[in-house]
């Protein structure tokens, strides 16, 4: 077993870590890097190897599509909707009806800006959501409260509100739903600081509401905004694909951030990080344009239909 050394006295194994310097970096960057090095030095070897393996897996997964396109290019298709580059900066793509639609490079640039605007916010809120789950059980256990009751309350709340909350999001606005989600998440993670069962129970019930908003309001806003800007329907799959891959990467990153935060601030640390991330997402959502459901989407019998569907499955 290796000898443990206090934080103040450098150990032989950590001397090489301490010798790492970044002369061109600012003092703040050097302080952050040295603090992370001290934290990582306290992690067990299996955690470091797991982190390294997951990092390599993310790199390979991200680079794989590019490598496949480079070494195994698609054969040229005679179908004019294949999306190949043609002269004048115009690219034919498929419309929702399957017809060829010419898209200019300006439209593509506008789509990339829109896509980045959405994905940045979406990945931040997903990162904040993943950070909360890492230390929730141990935090409740340290408070000495009924952990099972809190988890049951959260899942039950999500099951109830998830059946009809999307109808109100469509009616009162998808952007408004995203903003309400951020406000609820800030309140919920603030309530986690108090070892009171009633406050924690309220937080779990609100957590069911926020989870329903997370998986309805954001994607609904993106799809509606995508169509209102006149982008080709086939491009929606690109945004959903990047969001799905990014969500997996955020799950891995959340584990690292939560571990560092808990090392510094205890089990409540990841929840404080989630508050900071949610505030950033809230600010980024403010410039979004509001959109609502069309007349065909606002069905007043939606809740009754949802109850009937649940009953048929049961």
C-alpha atoms as a PDB file:
ATOM      1  CA  UNK A   1       0.000   0.000   0.000  1.00  0.00           C
ATOM      2  CA  UNK A   2       1.368   3.384  -0.940  1.00  0.00           C
ATOM      3  CA  UNK A   3       2.075   5.855   1.824  1.00  0.00           C
ATOM      4  CA  UNK A   4      -0.393   8.701   2.188  1.00  0.00           C
ATOM      5  CA  UNK A   5       1.060  12.185   2.416  1.00  0.00           C
ATOM      6  CA  UNK A   6      -0.684  15.299   3.711  1.00  0.00           C
ATOM      7  CA  UNK A   7      -1.764  17.904   1.233  1.00  0.00           C
ATOM      8  CA  UNK A   8       0.850  20.361   2.449  1.00  0.00           C
ATOM      9  CA  UNK A   9       3.873  18.114   1.899  1.00  0.00           C
ATOM     10  CA  UNK A  10       4.557  16.846  -1.616  1.00  0.00           C
ATOM     11  CA  UNK A  11       4.895  13.087  -1.964  1.00  0.00           C
ATOM     12  CA  UNK A  12       7.374  11.451  -4.308  1.00  0.00           C
ATOM     13  CA  UNK A  13       4.559  10.277  -6.570  1.00  0.00           C
ATOM     14  CA  UNK A  14       3.074  13.747  -6.799  1.00  0.00           C
ATOM     15  CA  UNK A  15       6.322  15.596  -7.398  1.00  0.00           C
ATOM     16  CA  UNK A  16       6.031  15.062 -11.125  1.00  0.00           C
ATOM     17  CA  UNK A  17       2.457  16.365 -11.038  1.00  0.00           C
ATOM     18  CA  UNK A  18       3.493  19.428  -9.094  1.00  0.00           C
ATOM     19  CA  UNK A  19       6.288  20.096 -11.550  1.00  0.00           C
ATOM     20  CA  UNK A  20       3.801  20.568 -14.387  1.00  0.00           C
ATOM     21  CA  UNK A  21       3.650  24.249 -15.178  1.00  0.00           C
ATOM     22  CA  UNK A  22       1.983  26.408 -17.752  1.00  0.00           C
ATOM     23  CA  UNK A  23       4.166  29.504 -18.041  1.00  0.00           C
ATOM     24  CA  UNK A  24       2.026  31.042 -20.771  1.00  0.00           C
ATOM     25  CA  UNK A  25      -1.197  30.659 -18.770  1.00  0.00           C
ATOM     26  CA  UNK A  26      -2.700  33.156 -16.390  1.00  0.00           C
ATOM     27  CA  UNK A  27      -2.387  32.645 -12.603  1.00  0.00           C
ATOM     28  CA  UNK A  28      -6.054  31.676 -12.438  1.00  0.00           C
ATOM     29  CA  UNK A  29      -5.566  28.900 -15.026  1.00  0.00           C
ATOM     30  CA  UNK A  30      -2.459  27.636 -13.211  1.00  0.00           C
ATOM     31  CA  UNK A  31      -4.358  27.596  -9.913  1.00  0.00           C
ATOM     32  CA  UNK A  32      -7.236  25.630 -11.463  1.00  0.00           C
ATOM     33  CA  UNK A  33      -4.879  23.120 -13.070  1.00  0.00           C
ATOM     34  CA  UNK A  34      -2.889  22.603  -9.868  1.00  0.00           C
ATOM     35  CA  UNK A  35      -6.082  22.185  -7.838  1.00  0.00           C
ATOM     36  CA  UNK A  36      -7.388  19.575 -10.283  1.00  0.00           C
ATOM     37  CA  UNK A  37      -4.042  17.771 -10.159  1.00  0.00           C
ATOM     38  CA  UNK A  38      -4.203  17.548  -6.364  1.00  0.00           C
ATOM     39  CA  UNK A  39      -7.782  16.260  -6.491  1.00  0.00           C
ATOM     40  CA  UNK A  40      -7.050  13.642  -9.134  1.00  0.00           C
ATOM     41  CA  UNK A  41      -4.017  12.447  -7.164  1.00  0.00           C
ATOM     42  CA  UNK A  42      -6.401  11.382  -4.383  1.00  0.00           C
ATOM     43  CA  UNK A  43      -8.602   9.268  -6.661  1.00  0.00           C
ATOM     44  CA  UNK A  44      -8.174   5.466  -6.684  1.00  0.00           C
ATOM     45  CA  UNK A  45      -6.440   3.873  -9.645  1.00  0.00           C
ATOM     46  CA  UNK A  46      -9.602   2.177 -10.927  1.00  0.00           C
ATOM     47  CA  UNK A  47     -11.328   5.574 -11.158  1.00  0.00           C
ATOM     48  CA  UNK A  48      -8.445   7.057 -13.137  1.00  0.00           C
ATOM     49  CA  UNK A  49      -8.360   4.109 -15.548  1.00  0.00           C
ATOM     50  CA  UNK A  50     -12.144   4.286 -15.963  1.00  0.00           C
ATOM     51  CA  UNK A  51     -11.911   7.992 -16.703  1.00  0.00           C
ATOM     52  CA  UNK A  52      -9.144   7.406 -19.216  1.00  0.00           C
ATOM     53  CA  UNK A  53     -11.069   4.607 -20.924  1.00  0.00           C
ATOM     54  CA  UNK A  54     -14.282   6.615 -21.179  1.00  0.00           C
ATOM     55  CA  UNK A  55     -12.364   9.599 -22.512  1.00  0.00           C
ATOM     56  CA  UNK A  56     -10.749   7.491 -25.216  1.00  0.00           C
ATOM     57  CA  UNK A  57     -14.122   5.956 -26.053  1.00  0.00           C
ATOM     58  CA  UNK A  58     -15.667   9.418 -26.480  1.00  0.00           C
ATOM     59  CA  UNK A  59     -12.818  10.489 -28.764  1.00  0.00           C
ATOM     60  CA  UNK A  60     -13.117   7.374 -30.900  1.00  0.00           C
ATOM     61  CA  UNK A  61     -16.911   7.652 -31.080  1.00  0.00           C
ATOM     62  CA  UNK A  62     -16.705  11.295 -32.106  1.00  0.00           C
ATOM     63  CA  UNK A  63     -14.040  10.680 -34.744  1.00  0.00           C
ATOM     64  CA  UNK A  64     -15.574   7.505 -36.164  1.00  0.00           C
ATOM     65  CA  UNK A  65     -18.141   9.187 -38.473  1.00  0.00           C
ATOM     66  CA  UNK A  66     -15.429  11.416 -39.965  1.00  0.00           C
ATOM     67  CA  UNK A  67     -13.110   8.457 -40.533  1.00  0.00           C
ATOM     68  CA  UNK A  68     -15.880   6.437 -42.147  1.00  0.00           C
ATOM     69  CA  UNK A  69     -16.738   9.271 -44.529  1.00  0.00           C
ATOM     70  CA  UNK A  70     -13.072   9.710 -45.421  1.00  0.00           C
ATOM     71  CA  UNK A  71     -12.080   6.099 -46.051  1.00  0.00           C
ATOM     72  CA  UNK A  72     -15.483   4.792 -47.155  1.00  0.00           C
ATOM     73  CA  UNK A  73     -17.063   7.610 -49.179  1.00  0.00           C
ATOM     74  CA  UNK A  74     -20.567   7.179 -50.454  1.00  0.00           C
ATOM     75  CA  UNK A  75     -20.990   6.499 -54.120  1.00  0.00           C
ATOM     76  CA  UNK A  76     -22.422   9.284 -56.197  1.00  0.00           C
ATOM     77  CA  UNK A  77     -26.165   8.902 -56.528  1.00  0.00           C
ATOM     78  CA  UNK A  78     -28.268   9.827 -59.516  1.00  0.00           C
ATOM     79  CA  UNK A  79     -31.034  10.933 -57.125  1.00  0.00           C
ATOM     80  CA  UNK A  80     -31.107  14.747 -57.164  1.00  0.00           C
ATOM     81  CA  UNK A  81     -32.151  14.809 -53.502  1.00  0.00           C
ATOM     82  CA  UNK A  82     -28.921  13.275 -52.320  1.00  0.00           C
ATOM     83  CA  UNK A  83     -27.617  16.536 -50.915  1.00  0.00           C
ATOM     84  CA  UNK A  84     -24.409  16.744 -53.039  1.00  0.00           C
ATOM     85  CA  UNK A  85     -22.692  20.055 -53.694  1.00  0.00           C
ATOM     86  CA  UNK A  86     -23.397  21.682 -57.025  1.00  0.00           C
ATOM     87  CA  UNK A  87     -22.266  24.904 -58.636  1.00  0.00           C
ATOM     88  CA  UNK A  88     -23.119  28.304 -57.221  1.00  0.00           C
ATOM     89  CA  UNK A  89     -23.131  27.194 -53.591  1.00  0.00           C
ATOM     90  CA  UNK A  90     -26.512  25.495 -53.935  1.00  0.00           C
ATOM     91  CA  UNK A  91     -27.193  22.087 -52.413  1.00  0.00           C
ATOM     92  CA  UNK A  92     -30.276  20.041 -53.362  1.00  0.00           C
ATOM     93  CA  UNK A  93     -31.867  18.381 -50.329  1.00  0.00           C
ATOM     94  CA  UNK A  94     -35.110  16.540 -49.684  1.00  0.00           C
ATOM     95  CA  UNK A  95     -38.153  18.428 -48.492  1.00  0.00           C
ATOM     96  CA  UNK A  96     -40.843  16.970 -46.268  1.00  0.00           C
ATOM     97  CA  UNK A  97     -42.759  15.915 -49.371  1.00  0.00           C
ATOM     98  CA  UNK A  98     -39.720  14.230 -50.877  1.00  0.00           C
ATOM     99  CA  UNK A  99     -39.155  16.888 -53.544  1.00  0.00           C
ATOM    100  CA  UNK A 100     -35.772  18.418 -54.299  1.00  0.00           C
ATOM    101  CA  UNK A 101     -35.267  21.802 -52.682  1.00  0.00           C
ATOM    102  CA  UNK A 102     -32.280  23.991 -53.443  1.00  0.00           C
ATOM    103  CA  UNK A 103     -30.629  25.394 -50.314  1.00  0.00           C
ATOM    104  CA  UNK A 104     -28.065  28.187 -50.445  1.00  0.00           C
ATOM    105  CA  UNK A 105     -24.904  28.378 -48.384  1.00  0.00           C
ATOM    106  CA  UNK A 106     -26.434  31.304 -46.497  1.00  0.00           C
ATOM    107  CA  UNK A 107     -29.291  29.077 -45.393  1.00  0.00           C
ATOM    108  CA  UNK A 108     -26.823  26.449 -44.272  1.00  0.00           C
ATOM    109  CA  UNK A 109     -24.881  29.018 -42.265  1.00  0.00           C
ATOM    110  CA  UNK A 110     -28.103  30.249 -40.677  1.00  0.00           C
ATOM    111  CA  UNK A 111     -29.032  26.675 -39.805  1.00  0.00           C
ATOM    112  CA  UNK A 112     -25.640  26.043 -38.200  1.00  0.00           C
ATOM    113  CA  UNK A 113     -26.075  29.128 -36.007  1.00  0.00           C
ATOM    114  CA  UNK A 114     -29.563  28.023 -35.017  1.00  0.00           C
ATOM    115  CA  UNK A 115     -28.362  24.502 -34.326  1.00  0.00           C
ATOM    116  CA  UNK A 116     -25.507  25.740 -32.136  1.00  0.00           C
ATOM    117  CA  UNK A 117     -27.884  28.061 -30.271  1.00  0.00           C
ATOM    118  CA  UNK A 118     -30.106  25.136 -29.361  1.00  0.00           C
ATOM    119  CA  UNK A 119     -27.463  22.497 -28.714  1.00  0.00           C
ATOM    120  CA  UNK A 120     -25.439  24.668 -26.327  1.00  0.00           C
ATOM    121  CA  UNK A 121     -28.490  25.208 -24.118  1.00  0.00           C
ATOM    122  CA  UNK A 122     -29.699  21.628 -24.433  1.00  0.00           C
ATOM    123  CA  UNK A 123     -26.337  20.149 -23.466  1.00  0.00           C
ATOM    124  CA  UNK A 124     -25.930  22.537 -20.532  1.00  0.00           C
ATOM    125  CA  UNK A 125     -29.295  21.596 -19.035  1.00  0.00           C
ATOM    126  CA  UNK A 126     -28.578  17.908 -19.616  1.00  0.00           C
ATOM    127  CA  UNK A 127     -25.209  18.300 -17.888  1.00  0.00           C
ATOM    128  CA  UNK A 128     -26.906  19.995 -14.936  1.00  0.00           C
ATOM    129  CA  UNK A 129     -29.491  17.211 -14.794  1.00  0.00           C
ATOM    130  CA  UNK A 130     -26.851  14.477 -14.852  1.00  0.00           C
ATOM    131  CA  UNK A 131     -24.850  16.196 -12.096  1.00  0.00           C
ATOM    132  CA  UNK A 132     -27.806  15.977  -9.705  1.00  0.00           C
ATOM    133  CA  UNK A 133     -28.149  12.217  -9.899  1.00  0.00           C
ATOM    134  CA  UNK A 134     -24.620  11.299  -8.845  1.00  0.00           C
ATOM    135  CA  UNK A 135     -24.783  12.165  -5.129  1.00  0.00           C
ATOM    136  CA  UNK A 136     -28.511  12.364  -4.484  1.00  0.00           C
ATOM    137  CA  UNK A 137     -28.750   9.074  -2.595  1.00  0.00           C
ATOM    138  CA  UNK A 138     -25.698   9.713  -0.412  1.00  0.00           C
ATOM    139  CA  UNK A 139     -26.884  13.262   0.329  1.00  0.00           C
ATOM    140  CA  UNK A 140     -30.296  12.067   1.490  1.00  0.00           C
ATOM    141  CA  UNK A 141     -28.657   9.292   3.476  1.00  0.00           C
ATOM    142  CA  UNK A 142     -26.460  11.802   5.282  1.00  0.00           C
ATOM    143  CA  UNK A 143     -29.575  13.814   6.182  1.00  0.00           C
ATOM    144  CA  UNK A 144     -31.127  10.732   7.805  1.00  0.00           C
ATOM    145  CA  UNK A 145     -34.425  11.028   5.907  1.00  0.00           C
ATOM    146  CA  UNK A 146     -36.572   8.396   4.194  1.00  0.00           C
ATOM    147  CA  UNK A 147     -34.732   8.022   0.884  1.00  0.00           C
ATOM    148  CA  UNK A 148     -37.290   5.636  -0.595  1.00  0.00           C
ATOM    149  CA  UNK A 149     -40.149   8.047   0.036  1.00  0.00           C
ATOM    150  CA  UNK A 150     -38.310  10.864  -1.710  1.00  0.00           C
ATOM    151  CA  UNK A 151     -37.517   8.768  -4.782  1.00  0.00           C
ATOM    152  CA  UNK A 152     -41.078   7.423  -5.015  1.00  0.00           C
ATOM    153  CA  UNK A 153     -42.444  10.963  -4.775  1.00  0.00           C
ATOM    154  CA  UNK A 154     -40.181  12.135  -7.605  1.00  0.00           C
ATOM    155  CA  UNK A 155     -41.025   9.286  -9.967  1.00  0.00           C
ATOM    156  CA  UNK A 156     -44.744   9.490  -9.182  1.00  0.00           C
ATOM    157  CA  UNK A 157     -44.751  13.224  -9.828  1.00  0.00           C
ATOM    158  CA  UNK A 158     -43.093  12.685 -13.196  1.00  0.00           C
ATOM    159  CA  UNK A 159     -45.621  10.010 -14.124  1.00  0.00           C
ATOM    160  CA  UNK A 160     -48.558  12.290 -13.281  1.00  0.00           C
ATOM    161  CA  UNK A 161     -47.364  15.585 -14.746  1.00  0.00           C
ATOM    162  CA  UNK A 162     -45.766  13.972 -17.788  1.00  0.00           C
ATOM    163  CA  UNK A 163     -49.182  12.963 -19.162  1.00  0.00           C
ATOM    164  CA  UNK A 164     -50.544  16.481 -19.643  1.00  0.00           C
ATOM    165  CA  UNK A 165     -47.797  19.050 -19.014  1.00  0.00           C
ATOM    166  CA  UNK A 166     -46.888  19.111 -22.703  1.00  0.00           C
ATOM    167  CA  UNK A 167     -50.359  20.473 -23.519  1.00  0.00           C
ATOM    168  CA  UNK A 168     -49.743  23.539 -21.359  1.00  0.00           C
ATOM    169  CA  UNK A 169     -46.271  23.959 -22.835  1.00  0.00           C
ATOM    170  CA  UNK A 170     -47.835  24.069 -26.310  1.00  0.00           C
ATOM    171  CA  UNK A 171     -50.504  26.508 -25.216  1.00  0.00           C
ATOM    172  CA  UNK A 172     -48.460  28.969 -23.153  1.00  0.00           C
ATOM    173  CA  UNK A 173     -45.230  28.740 -25.155  1.00  0.00           C
ATOM    174  CA  UNK A 174     -42.261  26.407 -25.489  1.00  0.00           C
ATOM    175  CA  UNK A 175     -39.742  29.099 -24.540  1.00  0.00           C
ATOM    176  CA  UNK A 176     -41.801  29.814 -21.431  1.00  0.00           C
ATOM    177  CA  UNK A 177     -41.669  26.104 -20.619  1.00  0.00           C
ATOM    178  CA  UNK A 178     -37.875  26.132 -20.896  1.00  0.00           C
ATOM    179  CA  UNK A 179     -37.648  29.180 -18.621  1.00  0.00           C
ATOM    180  CA  UNK A 180     -39.975  27.585 -16.070  1.00  0.00           C
ATOM    181  CA  UNK A 181     -37.776  24.489 -16.136  1.00  0.00           C
ATOM    182  CA  UNK A 182     -34.691  26.553 -15.299  1.00  0.00           C
ATOM    183  CA  UNK A 183     -36.453  28.384 -12.460  1.00  0.00           C
ATOM    184  CA  UNK A 184     -37.734  25.096 -11.021  1.00  0.00           C
ATOM    185  CA  UNK A 185     -34.285  23.526 -11.211  1.00  0.00           C
ATOM    186  CA  UNK A 186     -32.747  26.431  -9.312  1.00  0.00           C
ATOM    187  CA  UNK A 187     -35.427  26.132  -6.623  1.00  0.00           C
ATOM    188  CA  UNK A 188     -35.086  22.344  -6.432  1.00  0.00           C
ATOM    189  CA  UNK A 189     -31.311  22.377  -6.053  1.00  0.00           C
ATOM    190  CA  UNK A 190     -31.576  25.117  -3.448  1.00  0.00           C
ATOM    191  CA  UNK A 191     -34.006  22.996  -1.423  1.00  0.00           C
ATOM    192  CA  UNK A 192     -31.448  20.173  -1.444  1.00  0.00           C
ATOM    193  CA  UNK A 193     -29.342  22.239   0.985  1.00  0.00           C
ATOM    194  CA  UNK A 194     -31.888  21.828   3.818  1.00  0.00           C
ATOM    195  CA  UNK A 195     -32.086  18.500   5.742  1.00  0.00           C
ATOM    196  CA  UNK A 196     -35.854  18.816   6.164  1.00  0.00           C
ATOM    197  CA  UNK A 197     -38.026  16.015   4.816  1.00  0.00           C
ATOM    198  CA  UNK A 198     -40.895  18.364   3.909  1.00  0.00           C
ATOM    199  CA  UNK A 199     -38.677  20.647   1.870  1.00  0.00           C
ATOM    200  CA  UNK A 200     -36.942  17.723   0.208  1.00  0.00           C
ATOM    201  CA  UNK A 201     -40.314  16.152  -0.587  1.00  0.00           C
ATOM    202  CA  UNK A 202     -41.435  19.410  -2.180  1.00  0.00           C
ATOM    203  CA  UNK A 203     -38.234  19.413  -4.206  1.00  0.00           C
ATOM    204  CA  UNK A 204     -38.864  15.891  -5.464  1.00  0.00           C
ATOM    205  CA  UNK A 205     -42.420  16.753  -6.520  1.00  0.00           C
ATOM    206  CA  UNK A 206     -41.144  19.804  -8.367  1.00  0.00           C
ATOM    207  CA  UNK A 207     -38.448  17.557  -9.816  1.00  0.00           C
ATOM    208  CA  UNK A 208     -41.123  15.466 -11.507  1.00  0.00           C
ATOM    209  CA  UNK A 209     -42.509  18.625 -13.099  1.00  0.00           C
ATOM    210  CA  UNK A 210     -39.080  19.813 -14.248  1.00  0.00           C
ATOM    211  CA  UNK A 211     -38.213  16.415 -15.706  1.00  0.00           C
ATOM    212  CA  UNK A 212     -41.414  16.479 -17.767  1.00  0.00           C
ATOM    213  CA  UNK A 213     -40.475  19.941 -19.030  1.00  0.00           C
ATOM    214  CA  UNK A 214     -36.923  18.862 -19.823  1.00  0.00           C
ATOM    215  CA  UNK A 215     -38.096  16.129 -22.181  1.00  0.00           C
ATOM    216  CA  UNK A 216     -40.890  18.105 -23.828  1.00  0.00           C
ATOM    217  CA  UNK A 217     -40.338  21.875 -23.936  1.00  0.00           C
ATOM    218  CA  UNK A 218     -36.812  22.006 -25.352  1.00  0.00           C
ATOM    219  CA  UNK A 219     -37.270  19.617 -28.253  1.00  0.00           C
ATOM    220  CA  UNK A 220     -40.704  21.061 -29.037  1.00  0.00           C
ATOM    221  CA  UNK A 221     -39.223  24.552 -29.234  1.00  0.00           C
ATOM    222  CA  UNK A 222     -36.418  23.366 -31.506  1.00  0.00           C
ATOM    223  CA  UNK A 223     -38.699  21.523 -33.937  1.00  0.00           C
ATOM    224  CA  UNK A 224     -41.156  24.417 -34.173  1.00  0.00           C
ATOM    225  CA  UNK A 225     -38.376  26.997 -34.622  1.00  0.00           C
ATOM    226  CA  UNK A 226     -36.691  24.781 -37.219  1.00  0.00           C
ATOM    227  CA  UNK A 227     -39.846  24.644 -39.311  1.00  0.00           C
ATOM    228  CA  UNK A 228     -40.744  28.315 -38.875  1.00  0.00           C
ATOM    229  CA  UNK A 229     -37.317  29.281 -40.248  1.00  0.00           C
ATOM    230  CA  UNK A 230     -37.956  27.206 -43.353  1.00  0.00           C
ATOM    231  CA  UNK A 231     -35.128  24.724 -42.946  1.00  0.00           C
ATOM    232  CA  UNK A 232     -35.464  21.376 -44.746  1.00  0.00           C
ATOM    233  CA  UNK A 233     -37.238  18.734 -42.716  1.00  0.00           C
ATOM    234  CA  UNK A 234     -34.412  16.255 -43.290  1.00  0.00           C
ATOM    235  CA  UNK A 235     -32.043  18.457 -41.301  1.00  0.00           C
ATOM    236  CA  UNK A 236     -33.952  17.775 -38.092  1.00  0.00           C
ATOM    237  CA  UNK A 237     -32.253  14.394 -37.861  1.00  0.00           C
ATOM    238  CA  UNK A 238     -28.862  16.113 -37.699  1.00  0.00           C
ATOM    239  CA  UNK A 239     -29.837  18.156 -34.653  1.00  0.00           C
ATOM    240  CA  UNK A 240     -31.391  15.166 -32.912  1.00  0.00           C
ATOM    241  CA  UNK A 241     -28.290  13.096 -33.679  1.00  0.00           C
ATOM    242  CA  UNK A 242     -25.901  15.683 -32.247  1.00  0.00           C
ATOM    243  CA  UNK A 243     -28.139  16.122 -29.210  1.00  0.00           C
ATOM    244  CA  UNK A 244     -28.189  12.375 -28.558  1.00  0.00           C
ATOM    245  CA  UNK A 245     -24.422  11.978 -28.872  1.00  0.00           C
ATOM    246  CA  UNK A 246     -23.818  15.101 -26.827  1.00  0.00           C
ATOM    247  CA  UNK A 247     -26.134  13.883 -24.086  1.00  0.00           C
ATOM    248  CA  UNK A 248     -24.018  10.761 -23.691  1.00  0.00           C
ATOM    249  CA  UNK A 249     -20.877  12.858 -23.506  1.00  0.00           C
ATOM    250  CA  UNK A 250     -22.519  15.081 -20.881  1.00  0.00           C
ATOM    251  CA  UNK A 251     -23.284  12.007 -18.780  1.00  0.00           C
ATOM    252  CA  UNK A 252     -19.602  11.085 -18.731  1.00  0.00           C
ATOM    253  CA  UNK A 253     -18.525  14.669 -18.086  1.00  0.00           C
ATOM    254  CA  UNK A 254     -21.077  15.022 -15.283  1.00  0.00           C
ATOM    255  CA  UNK A 255     -19.490  12.119 -13.427  1.00  0.00           C
ATOM    256  CA  UNK A 256     -16.112  13.846 -13.509  1.00  0.00           C
ATOM    257  CA  UNK A 257     -17.477  17.247 -12.516  1.00  0.00           C
ATOM    258  CA  UNK A 258     -19.603  15.762  -9.739  1.00  0.00           C
ATOM    259  CA  UNK A 259     -16.628  13.862  -8.334  1.00  0.00           C
ATOM    260  CA  UNK A 260     -14.480  16.991  -8.245  1.00  0.00           C
ATOM    261  CA  UNK A 261     -17.336  19.044  -6.767  1.00  0.00           C
ATOM    262  CA  UNK A 262     -18.024  16.470  -4.054  1.00  0.00           C
ATOM    263  CA  UNK A 263     -14.323  16.306  -3.204  1.00  0.00           C
ATOM    264  CA  UNK A 264     -14.305  20.062  -2.661  1.00  0.00           C
ATOM    265  CA  UNK A 265     -17.781  20.771  -1.220  1.00  0.00           C
ATOM    266  CA  UNK A 266     -19.108  17.395  -0.110  1.00  0.00           C
ATOM    267  CA  UNK A 267     -22.250  15.671  -1.368  1.00  0.00           C
ATOM    268  CA  UNK A 268     -23.983  19.007  -1.891  1.00  0.00           C
ATOM    269  CA  UNK A 269     -21.284  20.116  -4.342  1.00  0.00           C
ATOM    270  CA  UNK A 270     -22.823  18.666  -7.540  1.00  0.00           C
ATOM    271  CA  UNK A 271     -26.123  20.405  -6.773  1.00  0.00           C
ATOM    272  CA  UNK A 272     -24.347  23.751  -6.505  1.00  0.00           C
ATOM    273  CA  UNK A 273     -22.702  23.102  -9.845  1.00  0.00           C
ATOM    274  CA  UNK A 274     -26.155  22.309 -11.275  1.00  0.00           C
ATOM    275  CA  UNK A 275     -27.462  25.656 -10.024  1.00  0.00           C
ATOM    276  CA  UNK A 276     -24.630  27.517 -11.762  1.00  0.00           C
ATOM    277  CA  UNK A 277     -25.172  25.622 -15.020  1.00  0.00           C
ATOM    278  CA  UNK A 278     -28.917  26.225 -14.927  1.00  0.00           C
ATOM    279  CA  UNK A 279     -28.400  29.957 -14.444  1.00  0.00           C
ATOM    280  CA  UNK A 280     -26.167  29.989 -17.539  1.00  0.00           C
ATOM    281  CA  UNK A 281     -28.828  28.114 -19.522  1.00  0.00           C
ATOM    282  CA  UNK A 282     -31.518  30.524 -18.311  1.00  0.00           C
ATOM    283  CA  UNK A 283     -29.548  33.508 -19.617  1.00  0.00           C
ATOM    284  CA  UNK A 284     -28.947  31.800 -22.975  1.00  0.00           C
ATOM    285  CA  UNK A 285     -32.647  30.998 -23.397  1.00  0.00           C
ATOM    286  CA  UNK A 286     -33.768  34.621 -22.992  1.00  0.00           C
ATOM    287  CA  UNK A 287     -32.953  35.632 -26.618  1.00  0.00           C
ATOM    288  CA  UNK A 288     -34.992  32.736 -28.022  1.00  0.00           C
ATOM    289  CA  UNK A 289     -38.111  33.562 -29.992  1.00  0.00           C
ATOM    290  CA  UNK A 290     -41.308  32.209 -28.486  1.00  0.00           C
ATOM    291  CA  UNK A 291     -43.401  29.681 -30.402  1.00  0.00           C
ATOM    292  CA  UNK A 292     -46.686  27.965 -29.720  1.00  0.00           C
ATOM    293  CA  UNK A 293     -48.552  24.942 -30.984  1.00  0.00           C
ATOM    294  CA  UNK A 294     -50.696  25.289 -34.087  1.00  0.00           C
ATOM    295  CA  UNK A 295     -54.448  25.108 -34.017  1.00  0.00           C
ATOM    296  CA  UNK A 296     -54.342  21.430 -34.882  1.00  0.00           C
ATOM    297  CA  UNK A 297     -52.050  20.664 -31.930  1.00  0.00           C
ATOM    298  CA  UNK A 298     -54.046  22.310 -29.134  1.00  0.00           C
ATOM    299  CA  UNK A 299     -56.550  19.544 -28.556  1.00  0.00           C
ATOM    300  CA  UNK A 300     -58.635  20.221 -25.421  1.00  0.00           C
ATOM    301  CA  UNK A 301     -59.247  16.484 -25.097  1.00  0.00           C
ATOM    302  CA  UNK A 302     -55.541  15.734 -24.909  1.00  0.00           C
ATOM    303  CA  UNK A 303     -55.552  14.927 -21.195  1.00  0.00           C
ATOM    304  CA  UNK A 304     -58.566  12.647 -21.523  1.00  0.00           C
ATOM    305  CA  UNK A 305     -56.899  10.903 -24.433  1.00  0.00           C
ATOM    306  CA  UNK A 306     -53.749  10.471 -22.356  1.00  0.00           C
ATOM    307  CA  UNK A 307     -55.694   8.934 -19.460  1.00  0.00           C
ATOM    308  CA  UNK A 308     -57.484   6.621 -21.872  1.00  0.00           C
ATOM    309  CA  UNK A 309     -54.179   5.532 -23.410  1.00  0.00           C
ATOM    310  CA  UNK A 310     -52.678   4.799 -19.999  1.00  0.00           C
ATOM    311  CA  UNK A 311     -55.759   2.829 -19.028  1.00  0.00           C
ATOM    312  CA  UNK A 312     -55.600   0.753 -22.206  1.00  0.00           C
ATOM    313  CA  UNK A 313     -51.975  -0.173 -21.529  1.00  0.00           C
ATOM    314  CA  UNK A 314     -52.690  -1.071 -17.929  1.00  0.00           C
END
